[in-house]
């Protein structure tokens, strides 16, 4: 019996509400957000209700956090770097670093950042203001000469973001490791901003809020088994507990189907029963992922899934659910809080 068949008689404690796309508030104190991503231009994708229409990015980045006392050495993947006290001019390399600067309230000090390929230079969940930060090159290939022109106090990023020696010749550079989970990565990035103490406070607040949200009667996280599926150009991947989204769901207390309580795995198109859940959250990796995902969601095999027939399939932002950092994690909390027990109504 499909997992979702067990919940068909339950009354919805939270209805999925999807407003028509229009002018939204934007992040970090800027003007109206004119982003035109799939999350903001449609309320339904092949029967899946789109999550994130109501996201208020004006609150994404808080006020500046307090710095650690004095300059100090930071050990990271590139070696040991003496980080200046309370840096004022920051260059960030990659979305996790920009997420960290946002979470610590320092985005307005960012004078340059790498940018994404595609229709928007930065993920929408960080707000419109960060999209105006000057580019120092594409993600993964920053230009040290362009960075030098910005005269930064510090450069932060994740491992693999450019030539460390060339970057360190411009300014003190901290490249955090990426193999220990998003929270440890965030702590490493925050240390580069002289905010190790502030980072621990951000994480402590998140770790308290996540289970509290899951325990809310309207959420009742332990009563539903959530599946998370990401579509590539020609692939279907179930995101397990080793993924960013899977880890956040675990922190909330959301249960996973038995076969998803481990590492992520790919699923052939003729074995869709392996993606079943009481509710299914779907992600699309770019436009090609969306096109392939829509074809799967419109297939007879997909429509036979209990979650699909129950109208409990939700499309979520790939940049958020496949992201890294406390700002993205909090956006996942909001999505789960508003939709775990919801039903697609439009």
Protein backbone atom coordinates (compact mmCIF):
# COMPACT_ATOMS: atom_id res chain seq x y z
CA UNK A 1 0.00 0.00 0.00
CA UNK A 2 1.45 3.43 -0.89
CA UNK A 3 2.75 5.38 2.07
CA UNK A 4 0.35 8.26 1.47
CA UNK A 5 -2.67 5.96 1.51
CA UNK A 6 -2.37 5.87 5.29
CA UNK A 7 -3.05 9.60 5.61
CA UNK A 8 -5.95 10.05 3.20
CA UNK A 9 -8.50 10.21 5.99
CA UNK A 10 -6.60 12.84 7.96
CA UNK A 11 -7.93 16.37 8.03
CA UNK A 12 -5.42 18.89 6.67
CA UNK A 13 -4.00 20.92 9.53
CA UNK A 14 -2.26 23.32 7.16
CA UNK A 15 -3.67 24.18 3.73
CA UNK A 16 -1.19 24.97 0.96
CA UNK A 17 -1.78 28.57 -0.01
CA UNK A 18 -0.29 29.85 -3.24
CA UNK A 19 -0.77 33.53 -4.07
CA UNK A 20 -0.67 34.78 -7.64
CA UNK A 21 2.82 35.88 -8.62
CA UNK A 22 3.35 39.59 -8.32
CA UNK A 23 5.42 42.24 -6.59
CA UNK A 24 7.10 40.84 -3.51
CA UNK A 25 9.05 42.31 -0.63
CA UNK A 26 12.75 41.87 -1.08
CA UNK A 27 15.77 41.07 0.99
CA UNK A 28 18.16 43.26 2.84
CA UNK A 29 16.29 46.56 2.73
CA UNK A 30 16.23 47.02 -1.04
CA UNK A 31 13.38 47.92 -3.38
CA UNK A 32 10.79 45.58 -4.91
CA UNK A 33 12.06 42.24 -6.15
CA UNK A 34 11.68 41.86 -9.90
CA UNK A 35 13.14 38.35 -10.07
CA UNK A 36 11.40 36.13 -12.61
CA UNK A 37 12.18 32.59 -11.55
CA UNK A 38 9.80 29.66 -11.73
CA UNK A 39 9.08 30.07 -8.03
CA UNK A 40 7.66 33.55 -8.61
CA UNK A 41 5.85 33.15 -11.90
CA UNK A 42 3.57 30.15 -11.45
CA UNK A 43 1.58 28.48 -8.69
CA UNK A 44 1.55 25.02 -10.23
CA UNK A 45 4.04 22.90 -12.17
CA UNK A 46 2.54 19.77 -13.74
CA UNK A 47 0.21 19.34 -10.74
CA UNK A 48 2.84 20.19 -8.09
CA UNK A 49 2.03 23.22 -5.97
CA UNK A 50 4.86 25.75 -6.04
CA UNK A 51 6.31 26.60 -2.63
CA UNK A 52 7.99 29.95 -1.98
CA UNK A 53 5.57 32.42 -3.54
CA UNK A 54 4.95 33.95 -0.14
CA UNK A 55 8.61 34.07 0.90
CA UNK A 56 9.44 37.44 2.50
CA UNK A 57 13.11 37.95 1.66
CA UNK A 58 13.11 41.37 3.31
CA UNK A 59 13.91 39.50 6.53
CA UNK A 60 16.52 37.15 5.05
CA UNK A 61 19.56 39.08 6.35
CA UNK A 62 19.48 40.33 9.96
CA UNK A 63 21.28 43.32 11.47
CA UNK A 64 25.08 43.09 11.80
CA UNK A 65 26.34 40.65 14.42
CA UNK A 66 29.03 41.40 16.98
CA UNK A 67 32.62 40.60 15.98
CA UNK A 68 35.03 38.43 17.93
CA UNK A 69 37.60 40.30 19.98
CA UNK A 70 40.71 41.29 18.03
CA UNK A 71 42.56 39.81 15.09
CA UNK A 72 43.20 36.08 15.24
CA UNK A 73 44.62 33.20 13.17
CA UNK A 74 42.13 30.93 11.39
CA UNK A 75 43.01 27.42 10.26
CA UNK A 76 41.29 26.35 7.04
CA UNK A 77 41.80 24.20 3.94
CA UNK A 78 44.41 26.58 2.52
CA UNK A 79 46.48 26.82 5.69
CA UNK A 80 46.46 29.40 8.49
CA UNK A 81 45.35 32.99 7.89
CA UNK A 82 45.52 35.98 10.21
CA UNK A 83 42.00 37.42 9.97
CA UNK A 84 41.55 41.15 10.62
CA UNK A 85 39.26 42.27 13.42
CA UNK A 86 35.79 43.20 12.17
CA UNK A 87 36.52 43.43 8.40
CA UNK A 88 34.68 46.19 6.56
CA UNK A 89 35.32 45.26 2.90
CA UNK A 90 34.52 41.64 2.14
CA UNK A 91 34.74 39.56 -1.04
CA UNK A 92 32.79 36.31 -1.02
CA UNK A 93 33.26 33.37 -3.35
CA UNK A 94 30.24 31.10 -3.84
CA UNK A 95 26.68 30.96 -2.55
CA UNK A 96 27.55 29.33 0.82
CA UNK A 97 29.85 32.26 1.60
CA UNK A 98 27.21 34.78 0.56
CA UNK A 99 24.65 32.90 2.67
CA UNK A 100 27.05 33.13 5.63
CA UNK A 101 27.58 36.87 5.17
CA UNK A 102 23.81 37.30 5.03
CA UNK A 103 23.19 35.19 8.14
CA UNK A 104 25.74 37.22 10.08
CA UNK A 105 24.23 40.52 8.95
CA UNK A 106 27.29 41.54 6.92
CA UNK A 107 25.96 41.46 3.37
CA UNK A 108 26.19 45.26 3.03
CA UNK A 109 29.94 45.01 3.60
CA UNK A 110 30.34 42.63 0.65
CA UNK A 111 32.07 44.62 -2.10
CA UNK A 112 32.35 41.77 -4.60
CA UNK A 113 31.13 38.24 -5.17
CA UNK A 114 31.19 35.46 -7.71
CA UNK A 115 28.00 35.12 -9.73
CA UNK A 116 25.90 32.25 -11.02
CA UNK A 117 25.35 31.39 -14.65
CA UNK A 118 21.73 31.71 -15.74
CA UNK A 119 18.99 34.32 -15.46
CA UNK A 120 19.92 35.65 -12.00
CA UNK A 121 23.38 36.38 -10.55
CA UNK A 122 22.45 35.20 -7.05
CA UNK A 123 19.74 32.93 -5.57
CA UNK A 124 16.40 34.64 -5.01
CA UNK A 125 16.10 33.48 -1.40
CA UNK A 126 18.89 35.89 -0.37
CA UNK A 127 16.86 38.87 -1.62
CA UNK A 128 17.22 41.40 -4.38
CA UNK A 129 19.89 43.56 -2.74
CA UNK A 130 22.68 40.98 -3.06
CA UNK A 131 22.10 40.82 -6.81
CA UNK A 132 23.53 44.34 -7.11
CA UNK A 133 26.90 43.39 -5.59
CA UNK A 134 29.65 43.71 -8.24
CA UNK A 135 30.83 40.46 -9.80
CA UNK A 136 34.40 39.20 -9.44
CA UNK A 137 33.85 36.43 -11.96
CA UNK A 138 31.75 33.28 -12.34
CA UNK A 139 31.22 30.85 -9.50
CA UNK A 140 34.31 28.65 -9.19
CA UNK A 141 36.54 30.95 -11.26
CA UNK A 142 37.02 34.30 -9.51
CA UNK A 143 39.35 36.85 -11.10
CA UNK A 144 42.11 37.90 -8.63
CA UNK A 145 42.81 41.09 -10.61
CA UNK A 146 39.19 42.18 -10.36
CA UNK A 147 39.20 41.35 -6.65
CA UNK A 148 42.35 43.41 -6.11
CA UNK A 149 40.64 46.46 -7.62
CA UNK A 150 38.04 46.25 -4.82
CA UNK A 151 40.72 46.47 -2.09
CA UNK A 152 39.09 43.92 0.27
CA UNK A 153 40.03 43.41 3.92
CA UNK A 154 39.27 39.69 3.65
CA UNK A 155 38.20 37.06 1.11
CA UNK A 156 36.04 34.09 2.15
CA UNK A 157 34.82 31.11 0.18
CA UNK A 158 34.64 27.35 0.09
CA UNK A 159 37.27 24.84 -0.98
CA UNK A 160 37.79 24.81 -4.75
CA UNK A 161 36.85 28.45 -5.28
CA UNK A 162 39.84 29.62 -7.29
CA UNK A 163 43.62 29.57 -6.80
CA UNK A 164 44.28 30.03 -3.10
CA UNK A 165 47.80 31.39 -3.55
CA UNK A 166 46.62 34.01 -6.03
CA UNK A 167 43.75 35.03 -3.77
CA UNK A 168 45.89 35.15 -0.63
CA UNK A 169 48.29 37.49 -2.46
CA UNK A 170 45.42 39.99 -2.72
CA UNK A 171 44.04 39.83 0.84
CA UNK A 172 43.75 37.46 3.82
CA UNK A 173 41.79 34.51 2.43
CA UNK A 174 39.83 31.78 4.22
CA UNK A 175 38.49 28.79 2.27
CA UNK A 176 36.27 26.60 4.42
CA UNK A 177 36.06 22.85 3.91
CA UNK A 178 32.98 21.35 2.31
CA UNK A 179 33.08 17.79 3.60
CA UNK A 180 31.86 18.18 7.18
CA UNK A 181 28.30 19.39 6.64
CA UNK A 182 26.81 22.82 6.17
CA UNK A 183 26.97 23.85 9.82
CA UNK A 184 30.72 23.21 10.10
CA UNK A 185 31.22 24.96 6.76
CA UNK A 186 29.33 27.97 8.08
CA UNK A 187 31.46 28.11 11.22
CA UNK A 188 34.60 28.09 9.07
CA UNK A 189 33.31 30.89 6.87
CA UNK A 190 32.24 32.91 9.92
CA UNK A 191 35.71 32.57 11.42
CA UNK A 192 37.03 34.27 8.30
CA UNK A 193 34.73 37.19 9.07
CA UNK A 194 35.84 37.33 12.74
CA UNK A 195 32.40 36.06 13.75
CA UNK A 196 33.00 32.59 15.26
CA UNK A 197 30.98 33.50 18.35
CA UNK A 198 28.13 34.95 16.32
CA UNK A 199 28.05 31.81 14.17
CA UNK A 200 27.55 29.60 17.22
CA UNK A 201 24.66 31.82 18.30
CA UNK A 202 23.06 31.57 14.84
CA UNK A 203 23.34 27.79 14.90
CA UNK A 204 22.06 27.52 18.48
CA UNK A 205 18.95 29.48 17.51
CA UNK A 206 18.39 27.30 14.45
CA UNK A 207 18.85 24.08 16.45
CA UNK A 208 16.24 25.26 18.94
CA UNK A 209 13.77 26.46 16.30
CA UNK A 210 13.89 23.42 14.00
CA UNK A 211 12.48 20.82 16.44
CA UNK A 212 10.11 23.40 17.93
CA UNK A 213 8.58 23.94 14.49
CA UNK A 214 8.35 20.20 13.93
CA UNK A 215 6.50 19.78 17.22
CA UNK A 216 3.87 22.41 16.44
CA UNK A 217 0.40 20.80 16.24
CA UNK A 218 -0.16 22.26 12.78
CA UNK A 219 3.07 20.67 11.55
CA UNK A 220 3.21 17.37 13.49
CA UNK A 221 6.39 16.44 11.65
CA UNK A 222 6.60 12.91 13.03
CA UNK A 223 3.21 11.99 11.54
CA UNK A 224 4.22 12.34 7.88
CA UNK A 225 6.91 10.65 5.81
CA UNK A 226 8.39 13.13 3.35
CA UNK A 227 10.15 12.18 0.13
CA UNK A 228 12.56 14.62 -1.56
CA UNK A 229 13.21 14.19 -5.29
CA UNK A 230 15.55 16.22 -7.51
CA UNK A 231 15.24 16.16 -11.29
CA UNK A 232 18.25 16.71 -13.53
CA UNK A 233 18.26 16.97 -17.32
CA UNK A 234 17.78 13.20 -17.58
CA UNK A 235 18.00 11.95 -14.01
CA UNK A 236 15.87 11.39 -10.92
CA UNK A 237 17.67 11.56 -7.57
CA UNK A 238 16.12 10.85 -4.20
CA UNK A 239 17.85 13.09 -1.64
CA UNK A 240 18.62 11.05 1.45
CA UNK A 241 19.59 12.06 4.95
CA UNK A 242 23.13 12.80 3.73
CA UNK A 243 21.86 15.76 1.68
CA UNK A 244 21.37 19.35 2.85
CA UNK A 245 17.57 19.10 2.63
CA UNK A 246 17.59 15.68 4.27
CA UNK A 247 19.62 16.99 7.17
CA UNK A 248 17.29 19.92 7.77
CA UNK A 249 14.25 17.60 7.65
CA UNK A 250 15.95 15.42 10.26
CA UNK A 251 16.54 18.48 12.46
CA UNK A 252 12.84 19.36 12.19
CA UNK A 253 11.83 15.80 13.07
CA UNK A 254 10.24 14.98 9.72
CA UNK A 255 10.19 11.25 9.09
CA UNK A 256 11.45 9.77 5.82
CA UNK A 257 10.23 6.67 3.98
CA UNK A 258 12.23 3.61 5.01
CA UNK A 259 14.27 3.46 1.80
CA UNK A 260 15.28 7.15 2.12
CA UNK A 261 16.86 6.94 5.57
CA UNK A 262 20.39 6.86 4.22
CA UNK A 263 22.47 8.08 1.31
CA UNK A 264 20.96 9.75 -1.75
CA UNK A 265 20.35 7.51 -4.77
CA UNK A 266 19.20 7.70 -8.37
CA UNK A 267 15.96 6.11 -9.56
CA UNK A 268 15.16 4.85 -13.08
CA UNK A 269 12.03 6.36 -14.62
CA UNK A 270 10.37 2.93 -14.57
CA UNK A 271 10.81 2.54 -10.78
CA UNK A 272 8.96 5.60 -9.54
CA UNK A 273 7.40 3.66 -6.69
CA UNK A 274 10.76 4.15 -4.93
CA UNK A 275 10.07 7.89 -4.55
CA UNK A 276 6.74 7.43 -2.77
CA UNK A 277 5.97 9.31 0.44
CA UNK A 278 3.04 10.82 2.31
CA UNK A 279 4.21 14.08 0.75
CA UNK A 280 6.78 14.57 -2.02
CA UNK A 281 8.93 17.67 -2.36
CA UNK A 282 10.40 18.03 -5.86
CA UNK A 283 13.37 20.14 -6.99
CA UNK A 284 14.43 21.04 -10.52
CA UNK A 285 18.11 21.45 -11.42
CA UNK A 286 17.87 24.34 -13.86
CA UNK A 287 15.63 24.67 -16.90
CA UNK A 288 16.63 21.26 -18.27
CA UNK A 289 15.77 19.68 -14.93
CA UNK A 290 12.42 21.39 -14.93
CA UNK A 291 11.59 20.19 -18.45
CA UNK A 292 12.46 16.60 -17.63
CA UNK A 293 10.77 16.80 -14.24
CA UNK A 294 7.55 18.08 -15.77
CA UNK A 295 7.51 15.17 -18.23
CA UNK A 296 7.85 12.72 -15.34
CA UNK A 297 5.18 14.48 -13.24
CA UNK A 298 2.77 14.27 -16.16
CA UNK A 299 3.38 10.55 -16.71
CA UNK A 300 0.80 7.91 -15.80
CA UNK A 301 3.32 6.19 -13.53
CA UNK A 302 3.79 9.35 -11.47
CA UNK A 303 0.05 10.00 -11.26
CA UNK A 304 -0.38 6.53 -9.75
CA UNK A 305 1.70 7.51 -6.71
CA UNK A 306 -0.37 8.03 -3.59
CA UNK A 307 1.13 11.48 -2.91
CA UNK A 308 0.26 12.58 -6.45
CA UNK A 309 -3.33 11.33 -6.29
CA UNK A 310 -3.66 12.94 -2.84
CA UNK A 311 -2.41 16.25 -4.29
CA UNK A 312 0.51 16.34 -1.90
CA UNK A 313 3.38 17.06 -4.30
CA UNK A 314 5.16 20.40 -3.87
CA UNK A 315 7.82 22.07 -6.03
CA UNK A 316 10.45 23.81 -3.90
CA UNK A 317 13.35 26.12 -4.76
CA UNK A 318 16.43 24.20 -5.83
CA UNK A 319 18.78 26.92 -4.58
CA UNK A 320 17.22 26.58 -1.12
CA UNK A 321 16.71 22.83 -0.73
CA UNK A 322 19.93 21.93 -2.54
CA UNK A 323 21.86 24.77 -0.94
CA UNK A 324 24.13 25.23 2.05
CA UNK A 325 24.00 27.65 4.94
CA UNK A 326 21.79 28.88 7.77
CA UNK A 327 19.78 31.28 5.59
CA UNK A 328 18.84 28.44 3.24
CA UNK A 329 18.16 26.14 6.20
CA UNK A 330 15.74 28.66 7.68
CA UNK A 331 13.98 28.95 4.32
CA UNK A 332 13.49 25.17 4.37
CA UNK A 333 12.02 25.46 7.88
CA UNK A 334 9.48 27.96 6.55
CA UNK A 335 8.60 25.78 3.56
CA UNK A 336 8.04 22.72 5.75
CA UNK A 337 6.08 24.69 8.34
CA UNK A 338 3.67 25.96 5.69
CA UNK A 339 3.31 22.87 3.51
CA UNK A 340 4.12 19.57 5.24
CA UNK A 341 0.46 18.92 6.03
CA UNK A 342 -0.85 20.90 3.10
CA UNK A 343 -2.71 19.96 -0.05
CA UNK A 344 -2.38 21.50 -3.48
CA UNK A 345 -5.51 23.55 -3.98
CA UNK A 346 -4.94 25.17 -7.35
